Amino acid sequence: SGGGLVQPGGSLRLSCATSGSVFSIMAWYRQAPGKQRQL
């Protein structure tokens, strides 16, 4: 959650709520149109 539309120079805070396990590694990835998903 936390995505949206912002102007250049602005800020956003994304959240990832989890359930079921304690995780050793967590990560954020992103994917732009026509591009590979990247770490």
PDB file of all heavy atoms in Angstrom:
ATOM      1  N   SER A   1       0.844  -1.179   0.000  1.00  0.00           N
ATOM      2  CA  SER A   1       0.000   0.000   0.000  1.00  0.00           C
ATOM      3  C   SER A   1       0.885   1.236   0.000  1.00  0.00           C
ATOM      4  O   SER A   1       2.083   1.159   0.247  1.00  0.00           O
ATOM      5  CB  SER A   1      -0.942   0.017   1.208  1.00  0.00           C
ATOM      6  OG  SER A   1      -0.212   0.056   2.421  1.00  0.00           O
ATOM      7  N   GLY A   2       0.297   2.394  -0.279  1.00  0.00           N
ATOM      8  CA  GLY A   2       1.001   3.658  -0.197  1.00  0.00           C
ATOM      9  C   GLY A   2       1.387   4.284  -1.518  1.00  0.00           C
ATOM     10  O   GLY A   2       1.919   5.402  -1.538  1.00  0.00           O
ATOM     11  N   GLY A   3       1.152   3.604  -2.624  1.00  0.00           N
ATOM     12  CA  GLY A   3       1.457   4.177  -3.922  1.00  0.00           C
ATOM     13  C   GLY A   3       0.514   5.310  -4.277  1.00  0.00           C
ATOM     14  O   GLY A   3      -0.498   5.535  -3.619  1.00  0.00           O
ATOM     15  N   GLY A   4       0.867   6.035  -5.337  1.00  0.00           N
ATOM     16  CA  GLY A   4       0.038   7.142  -5.774  1.00  0.00           C
ATOM     17  C   GLY A   4       0.753   8.025  -6.761  1.00  0.00           C
ATOM     18  O   GLY A   4       1.812   7.676  -7.288  1.00  0.00           O
ATOM     19  N   LEU A   5       0.170   9.189  -7.022  1.00  0.00           N
ATOM     20  CA  LEU A   5       0.707  10.181  -7.944  1.00  0.00           C
ATOM     21  C   LEU A   5       1.340  11.316  -7.154  1.00  0.00           C
ATOM     22  O   LEU A   5       0.684  11.914  -6.292  1.00  0.00           O
ATOM     23  CB  LEU A   5      -0.405  10.721  -8.839  1.00  0.00           C
ATOM     24  CG  LEU A   5      -0.055  11.876  -9.765  1.00  0.00           C
ATOM     25  CD1 LEU A   5       0.987  11.455 -10.786  1.00  0.00           C
ATOM     26  CD2 LEU A   5      -1.310  12.397 -10.443  1.00  0.00           C
ATOM     27  N   VAL A   6       2.613  11.610  -7.443  1.00  0.00           N
ATOM     28  CA  VAL A   6       3.326  12.701  -6.779  1.00  0.00           C
ATOM     29  C   VAL A   6       4.101  13.506  -7.809  1.00  0.00           C
ATOM     30  O   VAL A   6       4.435  13.011  -8.887  1.00  0.00           O
ATOM     31  CB  VAL A   6       4.289  12.204  -5.683  1.00  0.00           C
ATOM     32  CG1 VAL A   6       3.523  11.515  -4.566  1.00  0.00           C
ATOM     33  CG2 VAL A   6       5.335  11.272  -6.273  1.00  0.00           C
ATOM     34  N   GLN A   7       4.402  14.760  -7.464  1.00  0.00           N
ATOM     35  CA  GLN A   7       5.217  15.608  -8.321  1.00  0.00           C
ATOM     36  C   GLN A   7       6.700  15.300  -8.140  1.00  0.00           C
ATOM     37  O   GLN A   7       7.113  14.792  -7.092  1.00  0.00           O
ATOM     38  CB  GLN A   7       4.950  17.076  -8.008  1.00  0.00           C
ATOM     39  CG  GLN A   7       3.536  17.526  -8.315  1.00  0.00           C
ATOM     40  CD  GLN A   7       3.331  19.007  -8.066  1.00  0.00           C
ATOM     41  OE1 GLN A   7       4.253  19.732  -7.713  1.00  0.00           O
ATOM     42  NE2 GLN A   7       2.110  19.464  -8.261  1.00  0.00           N
ATOM     43  N   PRO A   8       7.524  15.576  -9.157  1.00  0.00           N
ATOM     44  CA  PRO A   8       8.966  15.414  -8.981  1.00  0.00           C
ATOM     45  C   PRO A   8       9.460  16.163  -7.750  1.00  0.00           C
ATOM     46  O   PRO A   8       9.043  17.295  -7.485  1.00  0.00           O
ATOM     47  CB  PRO A   8       9.545  15.998 -10.266  1.00  0.00           C
ATOM     48  CG  PRO A   8       8.463  15.806 -11.275  1.00  0.00           C
ATOM     49  CD  PRO A   8       7.173  16.010 -10.519  1.00  0.00           C
ATOM     50  N   GLY A   9      10.354  15.518  -6.997  1.00  0.00           N
ATOM     51  CA  GLY A   9      10.847  16.081  -5.752  1.00  0.00           C
ATOM     52  C   GLY A   9      10.027  15.714  -4.535  1.00  0.00           C
ATOM     53  O   GLY A   9      10.459  15.977  -3.407  1.00  0.00           O
ATOM     54  N   GLY A  10       8.879  15.101  -4.735  1.00  0.00           N
ATOM     55  CA  GLY A  10       8.018  14.710  -3.641  1.00  0.00           C
ATOM     56  C   GLY A  10       8.434  13.403  -2.997  1.00  0.00           C
ATOM     57  O   GLY A  10       9.437  12.786  -3.373  1.00  0.00           O
ATOM     58  N   SER A  11       7.636  12.966  -2.019  1.00  0.00           N
ATOM     59  CA  SER A  11       7.932  11.761  -1.252  1.00  0.00           C
ATOM     60  C   SER A  11       6.713  10.863  -1.143  1.00  0.00           C
ATOM     61  O   SER A  11       5.565  11.328  -1.164  1.00  0.00           O
ATOM     62  CB  SER A  11       8.401  12.125   0.164  1.00  0.00           C
ATOM     63  OG  SER A  11       9.614  12.862   0.139  1.00  0.00           O
ATOM     64  N   LEU A  12       6.972   9.566  -1.012  1.00  0.00           N
ATOM     65  CA  LEU A  12       5.959   8.573  -0.706  1.00  0.00           C
ATOM     66  C   LEU A  12       6.554   7.547   0.240  1.00  0.00           C
ATOM     67  O   LEU A  12       7.773   7.323   0.235  1.00  0.00           O
ATOM     68  CB  LEU A  12       5.468   7.848  -1.959  1.00  0.00           C
ATOM     69  CG  LEU A  12       4.502   8.557  -2.897  1.00  0.00           C
ATOM     70  CD1 LEU A  12       4.278   7.704  -4.142  1.00  0.00           C
ATOM     71  CD2 LEU A  12       3.177   8.838  -2.210  1.00  0.00           C
ATOM     72  N   ARG A  13       5.704   6.912   1.037  1.00  0.00           N
ATOM     73  CA  ARG A  13       6.113   5.826   1.913  1.00  0.00           C
ATOM     74  C   ARG A  13       5.263   4.599   1.592  1.00  0.00           C
ATOM     75  O   ARG A  13       4.052   4.610   1.810  1.00  0.00           O
ATOM     76  CB  ARG A  13       5.946   6.205   3.377  1.00  0.00           C
ATOM     77  CG  ARG A  13       6.451   5.151   4.371  1.00  0.00           C
ATOM     78  CD  ARG A  13       6.349   5.668   5.803  1.00  0.00           C
ATOM     79  NE  ARG A  13       6.758   4.700   6.805  1.00  0.00           N
ATOM     80  CZ  ARG A  13       7.994   4.528   7.225  1.00  0.00           C
ATOM     81  NH1 ARG A  13       8.988   5.256   6.711  1.00  0.00           N
ATOM     82  NH2 ARG A  13       8.268   3.620   8.167  1.00  0.00           N
ATOM     83  N   LEU A  14       5.907   3.552   1.069  1.00  0.00           N
ATOM     84  CA  LEU A  14       5.228   2.308   0.763  1.00  0.00           C
ATOM     85  C   LEU A  14       5.291   1.367   1.954  1.00  0.00           C
ATOM     86  O   LEU A  14       6.281   1.343   2.689  1.00  0.00           O
ATOM     87  CB  LEU A  14       5.862   1.623  -0.451  1.00  0.00           C
ATOM     88  CG  LEU A  14       5.981   2.440  -1.733  1.00  0.00           C
ATOM     89  CD1 LEU A  14       6.553   1.569  -2.848  1.00  0.00           C
ATOM     90  CD2 LEU A  14       4.639   3.028  -2.135  1.00  0.00           C
ATOM     91  N   SER A  15       4.244   0.574   2.126  1.00  0.00           N
ATOM     92  CA  SER A  15       4.193  -0.428   3.183  1.00  0.00           C
ATOM     93  C   SER A  15       3.903  -1.791   2.585  1.00  0.00           C
ATOM     94  O   SER A  15       3.209  -1.906   1.573  1.00  0.00           O
ATOM     95  CB  SER A  15       3.106  -0.090   4.207  1.00  0.00           C
ATOM     96  OG  SER A  15       3.361   1.132   4.849  1.00  0.00           O
ATOM     97  N   CYS A  16       4.435  -2.829   3.222  1.00  0.00           N
ATOM     98  CA  CYS A  16       4.156  -4.204   2.859  1.00  0.00           C
ATOM     99  C   CYS A  16       3.781  -4.952   4.125  1.00  0.00           C
ATOM    100  O   CYS A  16       4.641  -5.211   4.974  1.00  0.00           O
ATOM    101  CB  CYS A  16       5.370  -4.853   2.189  1.00  0.00           C
ATOM    102  SG  CYS A  16       5.175  -6.619   1.843  1.00  0.00           S
ATOM    103  N   ALA A  17       2.519  -5.278   4.260  1.00  0.00           N
ATOM    104  CA  ALA A  17       2.027  -6.034   5.408  1.00  0.00           C
ATOM    105  C   ALA A  17       2.106  -7.520   5.099  1.00  0.00           C
ATOM    106  O   ALA A  17       1.709  -7.955   4.012  1.00  0.00           O
ATOM    107  CB  ALA A  17       0.595  -5.626   5.735  1.00  0.00           C
ATOM    108  N   THR A  18       2.616  -8.309   6.055  1.00  0.00           N
ATOM    109  CA  THR A  18       2.832  -9.736   5.840  1.00  0.00           C
ATOM    110  C   THR A  18       2.064 -10.571   6.849  1.00  0.00           C
ATOM    111  O   THR A  18       1.650 -10.099   7.898  1.00  0.00           O
ATOM    112  CB  THR A  18       4.321 -10.107   5.932  1.00  0.00           C
ATOM    113  OG1 THR A  18       4.747 -10.047   7.300  1.00  0.00           O
ATOM    114  CG2 THR A  18       5.171  -9.160   5.095  1.00  0.00           C
ATOM    115  N   SER A  19       1.919 -11.852   6.515  1.00  0.00           N
ATOM    116  CA  SER A  19       1.308 -12.809   7.420  1.00  0.00           C
ATOM    117  C   SER A  19       1.885 -14.191   7.153  1.00  0.00           C
ATOM    118  O   SER A  19       2.351 -14.472   6.050  1.00  0.00           O
ATOM    119  CB  SER A  19      -0.212 -12.837   7.257  1.00  0.00           C
ATOM    120  OG  SER A  19      -0.579 -13.276   5.965  1.00  0.00           O
ATOM    121  N   GLY A  20       1.872 -15.061   8.170  1.00  0.00           N
ATOM    122  CA  GLY A  20       2.171 -16.473   7.988  1.00  0.00           C
ATOM    123  C   GLY A  20       3.573 -16.930   8.349  1.00  0.00           C
ATOM    124  O   GLY A  20       3.743 -18.091   8.729  1.00  0.00           O
ATOM    125  N   SER A  21       4.594 -16.053   8.246  1.00  0.00           N
ATOM    126  CA  SER A  21       5.972 -16.468   8.476  1.00  0.00           C
ATOM    127  C   SER A  21       6.821 -15.311   8.972  1.00  0.00           C
ATOM    128  O   SER A  21       6.454 -14.146   8.799  1.00  0.00           O
ATOM    129  CB  SER A  21       6.615 -17.025   7.205  1.00  0.00           C
ATOM    130  OG  SER A  21       5.967 -18.204   6.767  1.00  0.00           O
ATOM    131  N   VAL A  22       7.960 -15.640   9.592  1.00  0.00           N
ATOM    132  CA  VAL A  22       9.035 -14.686   9.857  1.00  0.00           C
ATOM    133  C   VAL A  22      10.031 -14.830   8.712  1.00  0.00           C
ATOM    134  O   VAL A  22      10.548 -15.918   8.468  1.00  0.00           O
ATOM    135  CB  VAL A  22       9.708 -14.941  11.208  1.00  0.00           C
ATOM    136  CG1 VAL A  22      10.868 -13.972  11.411  1.00  0.00           C
ATOM    137  CG2 VAL A  22       8.701 -14.813  12.337  1.00  0.00           C
ATOM    138  N   PHE A  23      10.313 -13.730   8.010  1.00  0.00           N
ATOM    139  CA  PHE A  23      11.091 -13.785   6.782  1.00  0.00           C
ATOM    140  C   PHE A  23      12.551 -13.410   7.013  1.00  0.00           C
ATOM    141  O   PHE A  23      12.849 -12.420   7.685  1.00  0.00           O
ATOM    142  CB  PHE A  23      10.478 -12.859   5.734  1.00  0.00           C
ATOM    143  CG  PHE A  23       9.070 -13.228   5.376  1.00  0.00           C
ATOM    144  CD1 PHE A  23       8.006 -12.469   5.826  1.00  0.00           C
ATOM    145  CD2 PHE A  23       8.827 -14.341   4.602  1.00  0.00           C
ATOM    146  CE1 PHE A  23       6.713 -12.818   5.501  1.00  0.00           C
ATOM    147  CE2 PHE A  23       7.534 -14.702   4.280  1.00  0.00           C
ATOM    148  CZ  PHE A  23       6.471 -13.937   4.732  1.00  0.00           C
ATOM    149  N   SER A  24      13.468 -14.200   6.429  1.00  0.00           N
ATOM    150  CA  SER A  24      14.893 -13.903   6.552  1.00  0.00           C
ATOM    151  C   SER A  24      15.301 -12.724   5.682  1.00  0.00           C
ATOM    152  O   SER A  24      16.107 -11.900   6.097  1.00  0.00           O
ATOM    153  CB  SER A  24      15.724 -15.131   6.196  1.00  0.00           C
ATOM    154  OG  SER A  24      15.542 -15.500   4.838  1.00  0.00           O
ATOM    155  N   ILE A  25      14.767 -12.651   4.475  1.00  0.00           N
ATOM    156  CA  ILE A  25      15.067 -11.578   3.539  1.00  0.00           C
ATOM    157  C   ILE A  25      13.761 -10.998   3.005  1.00  0.00           C
ATOM    158  O   ILE A  25      12.854 -11.741   2.623  1.00  0.00           O
ATOM    159  CB  ILE A  25      15.928 -12.078   2.365  1.00  0.00           C
ATOM    160  CG1 ILE A  25      17.306 -12.511   2.853  1.00  0.00           C
ATOM    161  CG2 ILE A  25      16.055 -11.011   1.292  1.00  0.00           C
ATOM    162  CD1 ILE A  25      18.185 -11.366   3.298  1.00  0.00           C
ATOM    163  N   MET A  26      13.687  -9.680   2.961  1.00  0.00           N
ATOM    164  CA  MET A  26      12.592  -8.994   2.309  1.00  0.00           C
ATOM    165  C   MET A  26      13.174  -7.981   1.333  1.00  0.00           C
ATOM    166  O   MET A  26      14.304  -7.515   1.509  1.00  0.00           O
ATOM    167  CB  MET A  26      11.666  -8.306   3.321  1.00  0.00           C
ATOM    168  CG  MET A  26      11.060  -9.270   4.325  1.00  0.00           C
ATOM    169  SD  MET A  26       9.841  -8.498   5.428  1.00  0.00           S
ATOM    170  CE  MET A  26       8.461  -8.278   4.298  1.00  0.00           C
ATOM    171  N   ALA A  27      12.404  -7.640   0.307  1.00  0.00           N
ATOM    172  CA  ALA A  27      12.924  -6.758  -0.728  1.00  0.00           C
ATOM    173  C   ALA A  27      11.800  -6.012  -1.414  1.00  0.00           C
ATOM    174  O   ALA A  27      10.638  -6.444  -1.409  1.00  0.00           O
ATOM    175  CB  ALA A  27      13.715  -7.559  -1.762  1.00  0.00           C
ATOM    176  N   TRP A  28      12.165  -4.884  -2.009  1.00  0.00           N
ATOM    177  CA  TRP A  28      11.295  -4.155  -2.923  1.00  0.00           C
ATOM    178  C   TRP A  28      11.854  -4.263  -4.330  1.00  0.00           C
ATOM    179  O   TRP A  28      13.056  -4.074  -4.541  1.00  0.00           O
ATOM    180  CB  TRP A  28      11.179  -2.677  -2.536  1.00  0.00           C
ATOM    181  CG  TRP A  28      10.379  -2.429  -1.304  1.00  0.00           C
ATOM    182  CD1 TRP A  28      10.847  -2.225  -0.047  1.00  0.00           C
ATOM    183  CD2 TRP A  28       8.957  -2.354  -1.223  1.00  0.00           C
ATOM    184  NE1 TRP A  28       9.809  -2.024   0.827  1.00  0.00           N
ATOM    185  CE2 TRP A  28       8.631  -2.094   0.134  1.00  0.00           C
ATOM    186  CE3 TRP A  28       7.923  -2.467  -2.146  1.00  0.00           C
ATOM    187  CZ2 TRP A  28       7.314  -1.954   0.585  1.00  0.00           C
ATOM    188  CZ3 TRP A  28       6.608  -2.335  -1.700  1.00  0.00           C
ATOM    189  CH2 TRP A  28       6.323  -2.080  -0.363  1.00  0.00           C
ATOM    190  N   TYR A  29      10.981  -4.580  -5.282  1.00  0.00           N
ATOM    191  CA  TYR A  29      11.283  -4.570  -6.701  1.00  0.00           C
ATOM    192  C   TYR A  29      10.382  -3.545  -7.378  1.00  0.00           C
ATOM    193  O   TYR A  29       9.357  -3.138  -6.821  1.00  0.00           O
ATOM    194  CB  TYR A  29      11.034  -5.937  -7.333  1.00  0.00           C
ATOM    195  CG  TYR A  29      12.054  -7.007  -7.007  1.00  0.00           C
ATOM    196  CD1 TYR A  29      12.075  -7.633  -5.768  1.00  0.00           C
ATOM    197  CD2 TYR A  29      12.980  -7.419  -7.965  1.00  0.00           C
ATOM    198  CE1 TYR A  29      12.991  -8.625  -5.475  1.00  0.00           C
ATOM    199  CE2 TYR A  29      13.898  -8.414  -7.686  1.00  0.00           C
ATOM    200  CZ  TYR A  29      13.900  -9.012  -6.442  1.00  0.00           C
ATOM    201  OH  TYR A  29      14.815 -10.001  -6.165  1.00  0.00           O
ATOM    202  N   ARG A  30      10.744  -3.146  -8.599  1.00  0.00           N
ATOM    203  CA  ARG A  30       9.866  -2.299  -9.387  1.00  0.00           C
ATOM    204  C   ARG A  30       9.954  -2.674 -10.859  1.00  0.00           C
ATOM    205  O   ARG A  30      10.956  -3.210 -11.312  1.00  0.00           O
ATOM    206  CB  ARG A  30      10.185  -0.814  -9.201  1.00  0.00           C
ATOM    207  CG  ARG A  30      11.528  -0.362  -9.758  1.00  0.00           C
ATOM    208  CD  ARG A  30      11.780   1.092  -9.373  1.00  0.00           C
ATOM    209  NE  ARG A  30      13.025   1.600  -9.919  1.00  0.00           N
ATOM    210  CZ  ARG A  30      13.538   2.789  -9.627  1.00  0.00           C
ATOM    211  NH1 ARG A  30      12.897   3.603  -8.781  1.00  0.00           N
ATOM    212  NH2 ARG A  30      14.683   3.178 -10.174  1.00  0.00           N
ATOM    213  N   GLN A  31       8.883  -2.391 -11.585  1.00  0.00           N
ATOM    214  CA  GLN A  31       8.829  -2.700 -12.998  1.00  0.00           C
ATOM    215  C   GLN A  31       8.104  -1.577 -13.731  1.00  0.00           C
ATOM    216  O   GLN A  31       6.940  -1.304 -13.456  1.00  0.00           O
ATOM    217  CB  GLN A  31       8.117  -4.033 -13.240  1.00  0.00           C
ATOM    218  CG  GLN A  31       8.155  -4.486 -14.682  1.00  0.00           C
ATOM    219  CD  GLN A  31       7.726  -5.932 -14.841  1.00  0.00           C
ATOM    220  OE1 GLN A  31       7.009  -6.470 -14.000  1.00  0.00           O
ATOM    221  NE2 GLN A  31       8.173  -6.567 -15.908  1.00  0.00           N
ATOM    222  N   ALA A  32       8.811  -0.938 -14.654  1.00  0.00           N
ATOM    223  CA  ALA A  32       8.240   0.090 -15.509  1.00  0.00           C
ATOM    224  C   ALA A  32       7.734  -0.556 -16.796  1.00  0.00           C
ATOM    225  O   ALA A  32       8.191  -1.636 -17.178  1.00  0.00           O
ATOM    226  CB  ALA A  32       9.274   1.164 -15.821  1.00  0.00           C
ATOM    227  N   PRO A  33       6.788   0.089 -17.494  1.00  0.00           N
ATOM    228  CA  PRO A  33       6.265  -0.480 -18.743  1.00  0.00           C
ATOM    229  C   PRO A  33       7.377  -0.786 -19.740  1.00  0.00           C
ATOM    230  O   PRO A  33       8.242   0.049 -20.000  1.00  0.00           O
ATOM    231  CB  PRO A  33       5.339   0.615 -19.264  1.00  0.00           C
ATOM    232  CG  PRO A  33       4.908   1.351 -18.043  1.00  0.00           C
ATOM    233  CD  PRO A  33       6.107   1.348 -17.145  1.00  0.00           C
ATOM    234  N   GLY A  34       7.355  -1.993 -20.290  1.00  0.00           N
ATOM    235  CA  GLY A  34       8.333  -2.400 -21.282  1.00  0.00           C
ATOM    236  C   GLY A  34       9.705  -2.729 -20.747  1.00  0.00           C
ATOM    237  O   GLY A  34      10.624  -2.968 -21.542  1.00  0.00           O
ATOM    238  N   LYS A  35       9.876  -2.760 -19.428  1.00  0.00           N
ATOM    239  CA  LYS A  35      11.179  -3.020 -18.832  1.00  0.00           C
ATOM    240  C   LYS A  35      11.120  -4.231 -17.903  1.00  0.00           C
ATOM    241  O   LYS A  35      10.062  -4.623 -17.424  1.00  0.00           O
ATOM    242  CB  LYS A  35      11.679  -1.803 -18.059  1.00  0.00           C
ATOM    243  CG  LYS A  35      11.865  -0.560 -18.906  1.00  0.00           C
ATOM    244  CD  LYS A  35      12.545   0.548 -18.130  1.00  0.00           C
ATOM    245  CE  LYS A  35      13.991   0.197 -17.808  1.00  0.00           C
ATOM    246  NZ  LYS A  35      14.701   1.328 -17.139  1.00  0.00           N
ATOM    247  N   GLN A  36      12.284  -4.822 -17.656  1.00  0.00           N
ATOM    248  CA  GLN A  36      12.402  -5.956 -16.750  1.00  0.00           C
ATOM    249  C   GLN A  36      12.172  -5.517 -15.308  1.00  0.00           C
ATOM    250  O   GLN A  36      12.540  -4.410 -14.921  1.00  0.00           O
ATOM    251  CB  GLN A  36      13.794  -6.577 -16.907  1.00  0.00           C
ATOM    252  CG  GLN A  36      14.039  -7.817 -16.071  1.00  0.00           C
ATOM    253  CD  GLN A  36      15.440  -8.370 -16.281  1.00  0.00           C
ATOM    254  OE1 GLN A  36      16.243  -7.802 -17.015  1.00  0.00           O
ATOM    255  NE2 GLN A  36      15.736  -9.486 -15.634  1.00  0.00           N
ATOM    256  N   ARG A  37      11.565  -6.395 -14.526  1.00  0.00           N
ATOM    257  CA  ARG A  37      11.438  -6.126 -13.101  1.00  0.00           C
ATOM    258  C   ARG A  37      12.834  -6.080 -12.479  1.00  0.00           C
ATOM    259  O   ARG A  37      13.660  -6.968 -12.714  1.00  0.00           O
ATOM    260  CB  ARG A  37      10.593  -7.203 -12.425  1.00  0.00           C
ATOM    261  CG  ARG A  37      10.286  -6.913 -10.967  1.00  0.00           C
ATOM    262  CD  ARG A  37       9.322  -7.930 -10.367  1.00  0.00           C
ATOM    263  NE  ARG A  37       8.031  -7.918 -11.045  1.00  0.00           N
ATOM    264  CZ  ARG A  37       6.977  -8.629 -10.660  1.00  0.00           C
ATOM    265  NH1 ARG A  37       7.062  -9.407  -9.591  1.00  0.00           N
ATOM    266  NH2 ARG A  37       5.851  -8.564 -11.349  1.00  0.00           N
ATOM    267  N   GLN A  38      13.121  -5.039 -11.685  1.00  0.00           N
ATOM    268  CA  GLN A  38      14.449  -4.868 -11.142  1.00  0.00           C
ATOM    269  C   GLN A  38      14.413  -4.693  -9.633  1.00  0.00           C
ATOM    270  O   GLN A  38      13.450  -4.176  -9.067  1.00  0.00           O
ATOM    271  CB  GLN A  38      15.167  -3.671 -11.788  1.00  0.00           C
ATOM    272  CG  GLN A  38      14.523  -2.332 -11.506  1.00  0.00           C
ATOM    273  CD  GLN A  38      15.276  -1.188 -12.151  1.00  0.00           C
ATOM    274  OE1 GLN A  38      15.760  -1.316 -13.282  1.00  0.00           O
ATOM    275  NE2 GLN A  38      15.393  -0.079 -11.445  1.00  0.00           N
ATOM    276  N   LEU A  39      15.497  -5.118  -9.005  1.00  0.00           N
ATOM    277  CA  LEU A  39      15.630  -5.011  -7.558  1.00  0.00           C
ATOM    278  C   LEU A  39      15.885  -3.562  -7.156  1.00  0.00           C
ATOM    279  O   LEU A  39      16.739  -2.893  -7.735  1.00  0.00           O
ATOM    280  CB  LEU A  39      16.776  -5.894  -7.077  1.00  0.00           C
ATOM    281  CG  LEU A  39      17.037  -5.941  -5.578  1.00  0.00           C
ATOM    282  CD1 LEU A  39      15.860  -6.566  -4.838  1.00  0.00           C
ATOM    283  CD2 LEU A  39      18.316  -6.736  -5.295  1.00  0.00           C
TER     284      LEU A  39
END
